[in-house]
Amino acid sequence: MAKSAFQIQDATVNLIGKAEQQIGSLKADNKANNEVANGHKIGAYCELIAALAPVKLVKGNLPRAASKQVREALAVAGLKEATIKRYMENSVGAIRHFEISGMANATATMVGEFFETHNIDSENKLAKLVKGEGGKSKAQRLAEQVVGKWSTKKDDKGNAVQGDVFKDGLDDAELEQFEDIMRELLAARTAYRNAEAAKAAEAAASEENTDVNAVMAQFAA
């Protein structure tokens, strides 16, 4: 698609602006409200991604003219610069991840189905997906916080790949202390479980003895 052919639709911009207004009116400390806010946010992403998908990415990014047009439209709709930045980065990242660059018939429903397949129900999960962190387990994320992880960089298609620098988590002294504490806690955990297992076995044996004694008493009578 030529750069001049792209035009962000007013309906898309208005939907995103309205979604952000609704999100802003909800209290973040309420779980139900959080779910509603996430629903508005994901709905807005579905619309924006579907609108941007027909544009062919250049080295993994939107052509400058298209990016400028969308950013300006979202700013007019009342979105803050930081919010616009997240929308653009995550939307373009999703287009790369789902490989829908240049797809003229992309729809919000189709994007929503992609999200559902990948269990994306919040902006945070989408951001992790496009950064290549969507499949990390809780254990892996914790290990990376403690030990460290590789940096990321973009390949020639704009996809996030492993970088060339290993970023430490804890420093060497903190890591040594962490290992000592973890050994102590593991020993305590094992001891506790063994003690609980012994109590359970003792209780089971006592119950069995009670049953046997009751049967023997019947015979004796």
N, C-alpha and C. Protein backbone atom coordinates (compact mmCIF):
# COMPACT_ATOMS: atom_id res chain seq x y z
N MET A 1 0.85 -1.20 0.00
CA MET A 1 0.00 0.00 0.00
C MET A 1 0.88 1.24 0.00
N ALA A 2 0.59 2.21 -0.85
CA ALA A 2 1.37 3.43 -0.89
C ALA A 2 1.14 4.23 0.37
N LYS A 3 2.15 5.04 0.73
CA LYS A 3 2.04 5.81 1.96
C LYS A 3 0.81 6.73 1.92
N SER A 4 0.61 7.36 0.75
CA SER A 4 -0.47 8.33 0.63
C SER A 4 -1.85 7.68 0.69
N ALA A 5 -1.91 6.37 0.48
CA ALA A 5 -3.21 5.69 0.44
C ALA A 5 -3.77 5.45 1.83
N PHE A 6 -2.91 5.44 2.85
CA PHE A 6 -3.40 5.13 4.20
C PHE A 6 -4.09 6.33 4.81
N GLN A 7 -5.21 6.06 5.45
CA GLN A 7 -5.94 7.10 6.16
C GLN A 7 -6.61 6.47 7.37
N ILE A 8 -6.20 6.86 8.57
CA ILE A 8 -6.83 6.34 9.77
C ILE A 8 -8.26 6.87 9.83
N GLN A 9 -9.19 5.98 10.06
CA GLN A 9 -10.60 6.35 10.05
C GLN A 9 -11.00 7.05 11.35
N ASP A 10 -11.89 8.05 11.20
CA ASP A 10 -12.36 8.77 12.38
C ASP A 10 -13.04 7.83 13.37
N ALA A 11 -13.76 6.84 12.86
CA ALA A 11 -14.47 5.90 13.73
C ALA A 11 -13.50 5.15 14.64
N THR A 12 -12.34 4.77 14.08
CA THR A 12 -11.33 4.05 14.87
C THR A 12 -10.77 4.96 15.95
N VAL A 13 -10.42 6.17 15.56
CA VAL A 13 -9.85 7.14 16.51
C VAL A 13 -10.86 7.46 17.61
N ASN A 14 -12.11 7.68 17.22
CA ASN A 14 -13.14 8.01 18.20
C ASN A 14 -13.37 6.87 19.18
N LEU A 15 -13.33 5.63 18.67
CA LEU A 15 -13.52 4.47 19.54
C LEU A 15 -12.40 4.39 20.58
N ILE A 16 -11.17 4.62 20.13
CA ILE A 16 -10.04 4.56 21.05
C ILE A 16 -10.14 5.68 22.08
N GLY A 17 -10.49 6.88 21.62
CA GLY A 17 -10.64 8.00 22.54
C GLY A 17 -11.71 7.75 23.58
N LYS A 18 -12.84 7.20 23.15
CA LYS A 18 -13.93 6.89 24.07
C LYS A 18 -13.52 5.81 25.06
N ALA A 19 -12.78 4.80 24.57
CA ALA A 19 -12.32 3.73 25.44
C ALA A 19 -11.41 4.27 26.54
N GLU A 20 -10.52 5.20 26.17
CA GLU A 20 -9.62 5.78 27.17
C GLU A 20 -10.38 6.62 28.18
N GLN A 21 -11.41 7.31 27.75
CA GLN A 21 -12.24 8.07 28.69
C GLN A 21 -12.94 7.14 29.68
N GLN A 22 -13.45 6.03 29.17
CA GLN A 22 -14.12 5.07 30.04
C GLN A 22 -13.14 4.43 31.01
N ILE A 23 -11.93 4.14 30.53
CA ILE A 23 -10.90 3.56 31.40
C ILE A 23 -10.55 4.53 32.51
N GLY A 24 -10.43 5.82 32.16
CA GLY A 24 -10.07 6.83 33.14
C GLY A 24 -11.12 7.03 34.22
N SER A 25 -12.36 6.68 33.91
CA SER A 25 -13.44 6.87 34.88
C SER A 25 -13.57 5.71 35.86
N LEU A 26 -12.82 4.64 35.62
CA LEU A 26 -12.92 3.46 36.49
C LEU A 26 -11.85 3.49 37.57
N LYS A 27 -12.19 2.98 38.74
CA LYS A 27 -11.24 2.92 39.84
C LYS A 27 -10.33 1.71 39.67
N ALA A 28 -9.02 1.98 39.67
CA ALA A 28 -8.06 0.91 39.40
C ALA A 28 -7.96 -0.10 40.52
N ASP A 29 -8.39 0.27 41.75
CA ASP A 29 -8.23 -0.65 42.88
C ASP A 29 -9.39 -1.63 43.00
N ASN A 30 -10.29 -1.60 42.07
CA ASN A 30 -11.44 -2.50 42.08
C ASN A 30 -11.24 -3.57 41.02
N LYS A 31 -11.25 -4.85 41.42
CA LYS A 31 -10.97 -5.95 40.49
C LYS A 31 -11.94 -5.98 39.33
N ALA A 32 -13.22 -5.80 39.63
CA ALA A 32 -14.22 -5.82 38.57
C ALA A 32 -13.99 -4.68 37.58
N ASN A 33 -13.64 -3.50 38.13
CA ASN A 33 -13.37 -2.35 37.27
C ASN A 33 -12.12 -2.59 36.42
N ASN A 34 -11.13 -3.24 37.00
CA ASN A 34 -9.92 -3.57 36.24
C ASN A 34 -10.24 -4.43 35.04
N GLU A 35 -11.12 -5.40 35.25
CA GLU A 35 -11.50 -6.28 34.15
C GLU A 35 -12.24 -5.52 33.07
N VAL A 36 -13.11 -4.60 33.47
CA VAL A 36 -13.83 -3.79 32.50
C VAL A 36 -12.86 -2.89 31.74
N ALA A 37 -11.92 -2.27 32.49
CA ALA A 37 -10.93 -1.39 31.86
C ALA A 37 -10.07 -2.16 30.86
N ASN A 38 -9.66 -3.37 31.25
CA ASN A 38 -8.87 -4.20 30.33
C ASN A 38 -9.67 -4.54 29.07
N GLY A 39 -10.96 -4.76 29.26
CA GLY A 39 -11.81 -5.06 28.11
C GLY A 39 -11.87 -3.89 27.14
N HIS A 40 -12.01 -2.67 27.69
CA HIS A 40 -12.01 -1.48 26.83
C HIS A 40 -10.67 -1.33 26.11
N LYS A 41 -9.58 -1.56 26.85
CA LYS A 41 -8.25 -1.38 26.28
C LYS A 41 -8.00 -2.39 25.16
N ILE A 42 -8.33 -3.65 25.42
CA ILE A 42 -8.11 -4.68 24.40
C ILE A 42 -8.99 -4.43 23.18
N GLY A 43 -10.21 -3.98 23.41
CA GLY A 43 -11.09 -3.65 22.29
C GLY A 43 -10.50 -2.55 21.43
N ALA A 44 -9.92 -1.54 22.08
CA ALA A 44 -9.29 -0.45 21.35
C ALA A 44 -8.09 -0.95 20.55
N TYR A 45 -7.31 -1.84 21.15
CA TYR A 45 -6.16 -2.41 20.43
C TYR A 45 -6.62 -3.21 19.21
N CYS A 46 -7.68 -3.97 19.37
CA CYS A 46 -8.19 -4.76 18.23
C CYS A 46 -8.53 -3.84 17.06
N GLU A 47 -9.19 -2.73 17.35
CA GLU A 47 -9.57 -1.79 16.30
C GLU A 47 -8.35 -1.16 15.65
N LEU A 48 -7.39 -0.73 16.48
CA LEU A 48 -6.21 -0.04 15.94
C LEU A 48 -5.34 -0.99 15.12
N ILE A 49 -5.13 -2.19 15.64
CA ILE A 49 -4.30 -3.17 14.92
C ILE A 49 -4.93 -3.52 13.58
N ALA A 50 -6.25 -3.72 13.58
CA ALA A 50 -6.94 -4.03 12.33
C ALA A 50 -6.83 -2.87 11.34
N ALA A 51 -6.86 -1.64 11.85
CA ALA A 51 -6.76 -0.47 10.99
C ALA A 51 -5.36 -0.31 10.41
N LEU A 52 -4.34 -0.71 11.18
CA LEU A 52 -2.96 -0.55 10.74
C LEU A 52 -2.44 -1.72 9.91
N ALA A 53 -3.08 -2.88 10.05
CA ALA A 53 -2.60 -4.08 9.37
C ALA A 53 -2.44 -3.92 7.85
N PRO A 54 -3.33 -3.21 7.16
CA PRO A 54 -3.17 -3.08 5.70
C PRO A 54 -1.88 -2.36 5.28
N VAL A 55 -1.29 -1.60 6.20
CA VAL A 55 -0.06 -0.87 5.87
C VAL A 55 1.13 -1.83 5.93
N LYS A 56 1.89 -1.88 4.87
CA LYS A 56 3.06 -2.76 4.82
C LYS A 56 4.17 -2.16 5.68
N LEU A 57 4.63 -2.93 6.66
CA LEU A 57 5.70 -2.45 7.53
C LEU A 57 7.00 -2.34 6.76
N VAL A 58 7.83 -1.40 7.15
CA VAL A 58 9.14 -1.20 6.55
C VAL A 58 10.19 -1.46 7.62
N LYS A 59 10.95 -2.55 7.45
CA LYS A 59 11.93 -2.98 8.45
C LYS A 59 11.27 -3.12 9.82
N GLY A 60 10.04 -3.65 9.82
CA GLY A 60 9.34 -3.93 11.07
C GLY A 60 8.61 -2.75 11.67
N ASN A 61 8.60 -1.62 11.01
CA ASN A 61 7.95 -0.44 11.56
C ASN A 61 6.97 0.17 10.56
N LEU A 62 6.04 0.95 11.07
CA LEU A 62 5.13 1.68 10.20
C LEU A 62 5.91 2.72 9.40
N PRO A 63 5.54 2.96 8.17
CA PRO A 63 6.13 4.09 7.44
C PRO A 63 5.94 5.36 8.24
N ARG A 64 6.89 6.25 8.18
CA ARG A 64 6.87 7.45 9.01
C ARG A 64 5.60 8.27 8.83
N ALA A 65 5.15 8.41 7.58
CA ALA A 65 3.97 9.23 7.33
C ALA A 65 2.74 8.64 8.01
N ALA A 66 2.58 7.32 7.93
CA ALA A 66 1.43 6.67 8.56
C ALA A 66 1.50 6.79 10.07
N SER A 67 2.69 6.58 10.63
CA SER A 67 2.87 6.69 12.07
C SER A 67 2.54 8.10 12.56
N LYS A 68 3.01 9.09 11.84
CA LYS A 68 2.76 10.49 12.21
C LYS A 68 1.27 10.80 12.18
N GLN A 69 0.60 10.32 11.15
CA GLN A 69 -0.83 10.58 11.01
C GLN A 69 -1.61 10.00 12.17
N VAL A 70 -1.30 8.73 12.55
CA VAL A 70 -2.03 8.08 13.63
C VAL A 70 -1.74 8.75 14.97
N ARG A 71 -0.48 9.07 15.21
CA ARG A 71 -0.12 9.72 16.47
C ARG A 71 -0.85 11.06 16.63
N GLU A 72 -0.88 11.82 15.56
CA GLU A 72 -1.55 13.13 15.62
C GLU A 72 -3.05 12.97 15.84
N ALA A 73 -3.64 11.99 15.19
CA ALA A 73 -5.08 11.76 15.35
C ALA A 73 -5.41 11.35 16.78
N LEU A 74 -4.59 10.48 17.36
CA LEU A 74 -4.84 10.04 18.73
C LEU A 74 -4.63 11.18 19.72
N ALA A 75 -3.68 12.07 19.42
CA ALA A 75 -3.45 13.22 20.29
C ALA A 75 -4.66 14.15 20.26
N VAL A 76 -5.23 14.36 19.09
CA VAL A 76 -6.43 15.19 18.96
C VAL A 76 -7.59 14.57 19.72
N ALA A 77 -7.62 13.22 19.78
CA ALA A 77 -8.68 12.52 20.50
C ALA A 77 -8.52 12.62 22.01
N GLY A 78 -7.41 13.22 22.46
CA GLY A 78 -7.22 13.46 23.89
C GLY A 78 -6.27 12.51 24.60
N LEU A 79 -5.60 11.62 23.84
CA LEU A 79 -4.68 10.68 24.48
C LEU A 79 -3.35 11.35 24.81
N LYS A 80 -2.77 10.97 25.93
CA LYS A 80 -1.47 11.49 26.34
C LYS A 80 -0.37 10.83 25.51
N GLU A 81 0.76 11.51 25.43
CA GLU A 81 1.86 11.02 24.60
C GLU A 81 2.33 9.63 25.02
N ALA A 82 2.42 9.40 26.33
CA ALA A 82 2.87 8.09 26.81
C ALA A 82 1.89 6.99 26.42
N THR A 83 0.59 7.31 26.46
CA THR A 83 -0.44 6.34 26.08
C THR A 83 -0.36 6.05 24.59
N ILE A 84 -0.18 7.11 23.80
CA ILE A 84 -0.05 6.94 22.35
C ILE A 84 1.16 6.08 22.02
N LYS A 85 2.26 6.31 22.71
CA LYS A 85 3.49 5.55 22.48
C LYS A 85 3.25 4.06 22.71
N ARG A 86 2.55 3.73 23.80
CA ARG A 86 2.27 2.32 24.08
C ARG A 86 1.36 1.71 23.02
N TYR A 87 0.34 2.45 22.63
CA TYR A 87 -0.56 1.96 21.59
C TYR A 87 0.21 1.65 20.31
N MET A 88 1.07 2.55 19.91
CA MET A 88 1.79 2.37 18.65
C MET A 88 2.79 1.22 18.74
N GLU A 89 3.58 1.18 19.80
CA GLU A 89 4.59 0.12 19.94
C GLU A 89 3.95 -1.26 20.03
N ASN A 90 2.92 -1.37 20.84
CA ASN A 90 2.28 -2.68 21.03
C ASN A 90 1.50 -3.11 19.79
N SER A 91 0.85 -2.15 19.12
CA SER A 91 0.08 -2.49 17.93
C SER A 91 0.98 -2.94 16.79
N VAL A 92 2.04 -2.20 16.55
CA VAL A 92 2.98 -2.58 15.49
C VAL A 92 3.67 -3.90 15.85
N GLY A 93 3.99 -4.07 17.14
CA GLY A 93 4.59 -5.33 17.58
C GLY A 93 3.65 -6.51 17.37
N ALA A 94 2.36 -6.29 17.60
CA ALA A 94 1.37 -7.35 17.38
C ALA A 94 1.26 -7.69 15.90
N ILE A 95 1.32 -6.68 15.05
CA ILE A 95 1.27 -6.91 13.60
C ILE A 95 2.45 -7.76 13.16
N ARG A 96 3.62 -7.47 13.73
CA ARG A 96 4.80 -8.29 13.42
C ARG A 96 4.61 -9.72 13.93
N HIS A 97 4.18 -9.82 15.20
CA HIS A 97 4.07 -11.14 15.82
C HIS A 97 3.07 -12.02 15.11
N PHE A 98 1.92 -11.46 14.75
CA PHE A 98 0.87 -12.24 14.10
C PHE A 98 1.05 -12.31 12.58
N GLU A 99 2.09 -11.62 12.10
CA GLU A 99 2.44 -11.66 10.67
C GLU A 99 1.27 -11.25 9.78
N ILE A 100 0.69 -10.09 10.10
CA ILE A 100 -0.45 -9.60 9.32
C ILE A 100 -0.12 -8.28 8.62
N SER A 101 1.16 -7.95 8.52
CA SER A 101 1.56 -6.74 7.82
C SER A 101 1.09 -6.79 6.37
N GLY A 102 0.39 -5.75 5.93
CA GLY A 102 -0.11 -5.70 4.56
C GLY A 102 -1.41 -6.44 4.34
N MET A 103 -2.05 -6.91 5.40
CA MET A 103 -3.30 -7.67 5.27
C MET A 103 -4.48 -6.70 5.12
N ALA A 104 -4.99 -6.60 3.91
CA ALA A 104 -6.03 -5.62 3.62
C ALA A 104 -7.37 -5.96 4.26
N ASN A 105 -7.62 -7.24 4.52
CA ASN A 105 -8.93 -7.65 5.05
C ASN A 105 -8.91 -7.95 6.54
N ALA A 106 -7.93 -7.42 7.26
CA ALA A 106 -7.86 -7.64 8.70
C ALA A 106 -9.05 -6.98 9.38
N THR A 107 -9.58 -7.63 10.41
CA THR A 107 -10.72 -7.09 11.15
C THR A 107 -10.42 -7.12 12.64
N ALA A 108 -11.15 -6.30 13.38
CA ALA A 108 -11.00 -6.28 14.83
C ALA A 108 -11.37 -7.63 15.43
N THR A 109 -12.37 -8.28 14.86
CA THR A 109 -12.78 -9.61 15.34
C THR A 109 -11.65 -10.62 15.17
N MET A 110 -10.98 -10.57 14.04
CA MET A 110 -9.86 -11.48 13.79
C MET A 110 -8.73 -11.25 14.79
N VAL A 111 -8.42 -9.97 15.05
CA VAL A 111 -7.37 -9.65 16.02
C VAL A 111 -7.78 -10.15 17.41
N GLY A 112 -9.06 -9.98 17.73
CA GLY A 112 -9.56 -10.46 19.02
C GLY A 112 -9.40 -11.96 19.16
N GLU A 113 -9.57 -12.69 18.08
CA GLU A 113 -9.39 -14.14 18.11
C GLU A 113 -7.91 -14.49 18.32
N PHE A 114 -7.02 -13.72 17.71
CA PHE A 114 -5.59 -13.92 17.95
C PHE A 114 -5.28 -13.72 19.43
N PHE A 115 -5.84 -12.66 20.00
CA PHE A 115 -5.61 -12.36 21.41
C PHE A 115 -6.11 -13.50 22.30
N GLU A 116 -7.30 -13.98 21.99
CA GLU A 116 -7.89 -15.05 22.79
C GLU A 116 -7.03 -16.31 22.72
N THR A 117 -6.52 -16.63 21.55
CA THR A 117 -5.66 -17.80 21.38
C THR A 117 -4.40 -17.69 22.22
N HIS A 118 -3.88 -16.49 22.35
CA HIS A 118 -2.64 -16.27 23.10
C HIS A 118 -2.89 -15.78 24.53
N ASN A 119 -4.16 -15.85 24.97
CA ASN A 119 -4.52 -15.47 26.34
C ASN A 119 -4.12 -14.02 26.64
N ILE A 120 -4.34 -13.15 25.68
CA ILE A 120 -4.05 -11.72 25.86
C ILE A 120 -5.33 -11.01 26.26
N ASP A 121 -5.41 -10.62 27.52
CA ASP A 121 -6.60 -9.91 27.99
C ASP A 121 -6.27 -8.61 28.70
N SER A 122 -5.03 -8.12 28.50
CA SER A 122 -4.64 -6.85 29.08
C SER A 122 -3.49 -6.26 28.27
N GLU A 123 -3.29 -4.97 28.42
CA GLU A 123 -2.19 -4.30 27.72
C GLU A 123 -0.84 -4.85 28.17
N ASN A 124 -0.74 -5.17 29.45
CA ASN A 124 0.51 -5.69 29.99
C ASN A 124 0.89 -7.01 29.33
N LYS A 125 -0.09 -7.90 29.16
CA LYS A 125 0.19 -9.19 28.52
C LYS A 125 0.55 -9.01 27.05
N LEU A 126 -0.09 -8.05 26.40
CA LEU A 126 0.24 -7.78 25.00
C LEU A 126 1.66 -7.26 24.88
N ALA A 127 2.04 -6.37 25.78
CA ALA A 127 3.40 -5.82 25.77
C ALA A 127 4.44 -6.92 25.95
N LYS A 128 4.17 -7.85 26.85
CA LYS A 128 5.09 -8.96 27.07
C LYS A 128 5.19 -9.84 25.84
N LEU A 129 4.05 -10.06 25.18
CA LEU A 129 4.05 -10.90 23.98
C LEU A 129 4.92 -10.29 22.90
N VAL A 130 4.75 -9.01 22.62
CA VAL A 130 5.50 -8.39 21.53
C VAL A 130 6.97 -8.22 21.87
N LYS A 131 7.30 -8.28 23.16
CA LYS A 131 8.70 -8.19 23.57
C LYS A 131 9.34 -9.57 23.67
N GLY A 132 8.56 -10.61 23.34
CA GLY A 132 9.09 -11.97 23.38
C GLY A 132 9.08 -12.59 24.74
N GLU A 133 8.29 -12.03 25.68
CA GLU A 133 8.25 -12.54 27.04
C GLU A 133 6.92 -13.21 27.37
N GLY A 134 6.07 -13.38 26.38
CA GLY A 134 4.73 -13.91 26.64
C GLY A 134 4.71 -15.34 27.12
N GLY A 135 5.71 -16.14 26.72
CA GLY A 135 5.70 -17.55 27.08
C GLY A 135 6.51 -17.88 28.32
N LYS A 136 7.01 -16.88 29.02
CA LYS A 136 7.85 -17.14 30.18
C LYS A 136 7.01 -17.56 31.38
N SER A 137 7.49 -18.58 32.07
CA SER A 137 6.80 -19.04 33.27
C SER A 137 7.12 -18.13 34.44
N LYS A 138 6.35 -18.27 35.50
CA LYS A 138 6.59 -17.51 36.72
C LYS A 138 7.99 -17.79 37.26
N ALA A 139 8.40 -19.06 37.19
CA ALA A 139 9.72 -19.45 37.68
C ALA A 139 10.82 -18.78 36.87
N GLN A 140 10.66 -18.75 35.55
CA GLN A 140 11.68 -18.14 34.70
C GLN A 140 11.79 -16.64 34.94
N ARG A 141 10.63 -15.97 35.07
CA ARG A 141 10.67 -14.53 35.33
C ARG A 141 11.36 -14.23 36.65
N LEU A 142 11.07 -15.05 37.68
CA LEU A 142 11.70 -14.84 38.98
C LEU A 142 13.21 -15.08 38.89
N ALA A 143 13.60 -16.15 38.18
CA ALA A 143 15.02 -16.45 38.03
C ALA A 143 15.76 -15.31 37.33
N GLU A 144 15.12 -14.72 36.34
CA GLU A 144 15.75 -13.61 35.63
C GLU A 144 15.88 -12.38 36.50
N GLN A 145 14.90 -12.17 37.39
CA GLN A 145 15.00 -11.05 38.32
C GLN A 145 16.17 -11.23 39.27
N VAL A 146 16.43 -12.49 39.65
CA VAL A 146 17.49 -12.77 40.61
C VAL A 146 18.85 -12.84 39.92
N VAL A 147 18.95 -13.67 38.89
CA VAL A 147 20.24 -13.92 38.24
C VAL A 147 20.55 -12.90 37.15
N GLY A 148 19.54 -12.58 36.35
CA GLY A 148 19.74 -11.67 35.23
C GLY A 148 19.20 -12.29 33.95
N LYS A 149 19.33 -11.56 32.86
CA LYS A 149 18.84 -12.07 31.57
C LYS A 149 19.55 -11.34 30.44
N TRP A 150 19.44 -11.94 29.25
CA TRP A 150 20.01 -11.32 28.07
C TRP A 150 19.19 -10.09 27.68
N SER A 151 19.87 -9.11 27.14
CA SER A 151 19.18 -7.96 26.59
C SER A 151 18.46 -8.39 25.32
N THR A 152 17.64 -7.52 24.79
CA THR A 152 16.96 -7.81 23.52
C THR A 152 17.33 -6.75 22.50
N LYS A 153 17.22 -7.13 21.26
CA LYS A 153 17.43 -6.19 20.15
C LYS A 153 16.45 -6.57 19.05
N LYS A 154 16.36 -5.76 18.03
CA LYS A 154 15.45 -6.03 16.92
C LYS A 154 16.21 -6.53 15.70
N ASP A 155 15.63 -7.54 15.05
CA ASP A 155 16.24 -8.01 13.81
C ASP A 155 15.79 -7.10 12.66
N ASP A 156 16.16 -7.47 11.43
CA ASP A 156 15.85 -6.59 10.30
C ASP A 156 14.37 -6.49 9.98
N LYS A 157 13.56 -7.35 10.64
CA LYS A 157 12.11 -7.28 10.46
C LYS A 157 11.42 -6.60 11.62
N GLY A 158 12.21 -6.13 12.59
CA GLY A 158 11.65 -5.45 13.74
C GLY A 158 11.25 -6.35 14.89
N ASN A 159 11.51 -7.66 14.76
CA ASN A 159 11.16 -8.61 15.83
C ASN A 159 12.19 -8.57 16.95
N ALA A 160 11.71 -8.75 18.17
CA ALA A 160 12.62 -8.78 19.32
C ALA A 160 13.37 -10.11 19.36
N VAL A 161 14.70 -10.03 19.41
CA VAL A 161 15.55 -11.23 19.49
C VAL A 161 16.58 -11.02 20.60
N GLN A 162 17.30 -12.09 20.94
CA GLN A 162 18.30 -11.99 22.01
C GLN A 162 19.39 -11.01 21.63
N GLY A 163 19.72 -10.15 22.59
CA GLY A 163 20.76 -9.16 22.37
C GLY A 163 22.15 -9.70 22.69
N ASP A 164 23.10 -8.79 22.83
CA ASP A 164 24.50 -9.17 23.00
C ASP A 164 25.02 -8.91 24.41
N VAL A 165 24.14 -8.42 25.29
CA VAL A 165 24.58 -8.06 26.64
C VAL A 165 23.77 -8.84 27.66
N PHE A 166 24.45 -9.39 28.67
CA PHE A 166 23.75 -10.06 29.77
C PHE A 166 23.61 -9.06 30.91
N LYS A 167 22.36 -8.78 31.26
CA LYS A 167 22.06 -7.81 32.31
C LYS A 167 21.88 -8.53 33.64
N ASP A 168 22.72 -8.19 34.61
CA ASP A 168 22.63 -8.83 35.92
C ASP A 168 21.33 -8.47 36.63
N GLY A 169 20.88 -9.41 37.48
CA GLY A 169 19.77 -9.13 38.37
C GLY A 169 20.35 -8.58 39.66
N LEU A 170 20.54 -9.47 40.66
CA LEU A 170 21.24 -9.08 41.89
C LEU A 170 22.73 -8.98 41.60
N ASP A 171 23.43 -8.16 42.40
CA ASP A 171 24.89 -8.14 42.24
C ASP A 171 25.47 -9.39 42.89
N ASP A 172 26.77 -9.60 42.78
CA ASP A 172 27.39 -10.85 43.23
C ASP A 172 27.17 -11.08 44.73
N ALA A 173 27.30 -10.03 45.55
CA ALA A 173 27.13 -10.19 46.99
C ALA A 173 25.68 -10.53 47.33
N GLU A 174 24.75 -9.86 46.66
CA GLU A 174 23.33 -10.13 46.90
C GLU A 174 22.96 -11.53 46.44
N LEU A 175 23.56 -11.96 45.32
CA LEU A 175 23.26 -13.30 44.80
C LEU A 175 23.76 -14.37 45.76
N GLU A 176 24.93 -14.17 46.35
CA GLU A 176 25.46 -15.13 47.33
C GLU A 176 24.54 -15.19 48.55
N GLN A 177 24.09 -14.03 49.00
CA GLN A 177 23.17 -13.98 50.14
C GLN A 177 21.85 -14.67 49.79
N PHE A 178 21.36 -14.44 48.58
CA PHE A 178 20.12 -15.07 48.13
C PHE A 178 20.25 -16.59 48.15
N GLU A 179 21.39 -17.11 47.68
CA GLU A 179 21.59 -18.56 47.65
C GLU A 179 21.61 -19.14 49.06
N ASP A 180 22.22 -18.42 50.01
CA ASP A 180 22.25 -18.88 51.40
C ASP A 180 20.83 -18.92 51.98
N ILE A 181 20.08 -17.85 51.74
CA ILE A 181 18.71 -17.78 52.25
C ILE A 181 17.85 -18.86 51.62
N MET A 182 18.04 -19.09 50.33
CA MET A 182 17.23 -20.11 49.65
C MET A 182 17.53 -21.50 50.21
N ARG A 183 18.80 -21.79 50.48
CA ARG A 183 19.14 -23.10 51.07
C ARG A 183 18.48 -23.27 52.43
N GLU A 184 18.48 -22.20 53.23
CA GLU A 184 17.86 -22.27 54.55
C GLU A 184 16.35 -22.51 54.43
N LEU A 185 15.73 -21.79 53.53
CA LEU A 185 14.29 -21.93 53.35
C LEU A 185 13.92 -23.30 52.78
N LEU A 186 14.72 -23.82 51.86
CA LEU A 186 14.46 -25.15 51.31
C LEU A 186 14.57 -26.21 52.40
N ALA A 187 15.58 -26.05 53.28
CA ALA A 187 15.75 -27.01 54.38
C ALA A 187 14.54 -26.93 55.32
N ALA A 188 14.09 -25.71 55.61
CA ALA A 188 12.93 -25.54 56.49
C ALA A 188 11.67 -26.12 55.84
N ARG A 189 11.53 -25.91 54.54
CA ARG A 189 10.37 -26.44 53.82
C ARG A 189 10.35 -27.96 53.84
N THR A 190 11.51 -28.56 53.62
CA THR A 190 11.60 -30.02 53.64
C THR A 190 11.31 -30.57 55.03
N ALA A 191 11.89 -29.92 56.05
CA ALA A 191 11.67 -30.37 57.43
C ALA A 191 10.20 -30.27 57.81
N TYR A 192 9.57 -29.17 57.41
CA TYR A 192 8.15 -28.99 57.72
C TYR A 192 7.30 -30.06 57.05
N ARG A 193 7.57 -30.32 55.78
CA ARG A 193 6.78 -31.32 55.06
C ARG A 193 6.99 -32.71 55.65
N ASN A 194 8.24 -33.01 56.04
CA ASN A 194 8.50 -34.31 56.66
C ASN A 194 7.77 -34.45 57.99
N ALA A 195 7.77 -33.36 58.77
CA ALA A 195 7.09 -33.38 60.07
C ALA A 195 5.58 -33.55 59.88
N GLU A 196 5.01 -32.85 58.89
CA GLU A 196 3.59 -32.96 58.62
C GLU A 196 3.23 -34.36 58.14
N ALA A 197 4.12 -34.94 57.31
CA ALA A 197 3.88 -36.30 56.82
C ALA A 197 3.92 -37.29 57.97
N ALA A 198 4.85 -37.09 58.91
CA ALA A 198 4.95 -37.97 60.08
C ALA A 198 3.71 -37.87 60.95
N LYS A 199 3.20 -36.63 61.12
CA LYS A 199 1.98 -36.44 61.91
C LYS A 199 0.80 -37.13 61.25
N ALA A 200 0.71 -37.02 59.94
CA ALA A 200 -0.38 -37.64 59.21
C ALA A 200 -0.32 -39.16 59.32
N ALA A 201 0.91 -39.70 59.22
CA ALA A 201 1.08 -41.15 59.34
C ALA A 201 0.72 -41.62 60.74
N GLU A 202 1.12 -40.84 61.74
CA GLU A 202 0.81 -41.19 63.14
C GLU A 202 -0.70 -41.17 63.38
N ALA A 203 -1.36 -40.15 62.82
CA ALA A 203 -2.80 -40.04 62.98
C ALA A 203 -3.52 -41.19 62.29
N ALA A 204 -3.02 -41.57 61.10
CA ALA A 204 -3.63 -42.69 60.37
C ALA A 204 -3.46 -43.99 61.13
N ALA A 205 -2.25 -44.17 61.71
CA ALA A 205 -1.99 -45.40 62.48
C ALA A 205 -2.86 -45.45 63.73
N SER A 206 -3.04 -44.30 64.39
CA SER A 206 -3.87 -44.25 65.58
C SER A 206 -5.32 -44.57 65.26
N GLU A 207 -5.80 -44.03 64.11
CA GLU A 207 -7.17 -44.30 63.69
C GLU A 207 -7.36 -45.78 63.36
N GLU A 208 -6.35 -46.36 62.72
CA GLU A 208 -6.43 -47.78 62.38
C GLU A 208 -6.46 -48.63 63.65
N ASN A 209 -5.62 -48.26 64.65
CA ASN A 209 -5.60 -49.00 65.91
C ASN A 209 -6.95 -48.91 66.63
N THR A 210 -7.55 -47.74 66.57
CA THR A 210 -8.86 -47.54 67.20
C THR A 210 -9.90 -48.46 66.56
N ASP A 211 -9.86 -48.54 65.22
CA ASP A 211 -10.81 -49.40 64.51
C ASP A 211 -10.60 -50.87 64.87
N VAL A 212 -9.33 -51.26 64.93
CA VAL A 212 -9.02 -52.65 65.26
C VAL A 212 -9.48 -52.97 66.68
N ASN A 213 -9.21 -52.06 67.59
CA ASN A 213 -9.62 -52.28 68.98
C ASN A 213 -11.14 -52.39 69.10
N ALA A 214 -11.84 -51.60 68.32
CA ALA A 214 -13.29 -51.65 68.36
C ALA A 214 -13.80 -53.00 67.86
N VAL A 215 -13.18 -53.52 66.81
CA VAL A 215 -13.59 -54.84 66.28
C VAL A 215 -13.28 -55.93 67.30
N MET A 216 -12.08 -55.85 67.90
CA MET A 216 -11.71 -56.86 68.89
C MET A 216 -12.64 -56.83 70.09
N ALA A 217 -13.07 -55.63 70.46
CA ALA A 217 -13.97 -55.51 71.60
C ALA A 217 -15.30 -56.19 71.32
N GLN A 218 -15.75 -56.12 70.04
CA GLN A 218 -17.00 -56.76 69.67
C GLN A 218 -16.87 -58.28 69.80
N PHE A 219 -15.74 -58.79 69.34
CA PHE A 219 -15.52 -60.25 69.48
C PHE A 219 -15.47 -60.68 70.93
N ALA A 220 -14.82 -59.86 71.76
CA ALA A 220 -14.68 -60.20 73.18
C ALA A 220 -16.04 -60.20 73.87
N ALA A 221 -16.93 -59.34 73.43
CA ALA A 221 -18.25 -59.27 74.06
C ALA A 221 -19.04 -60.52 73.67
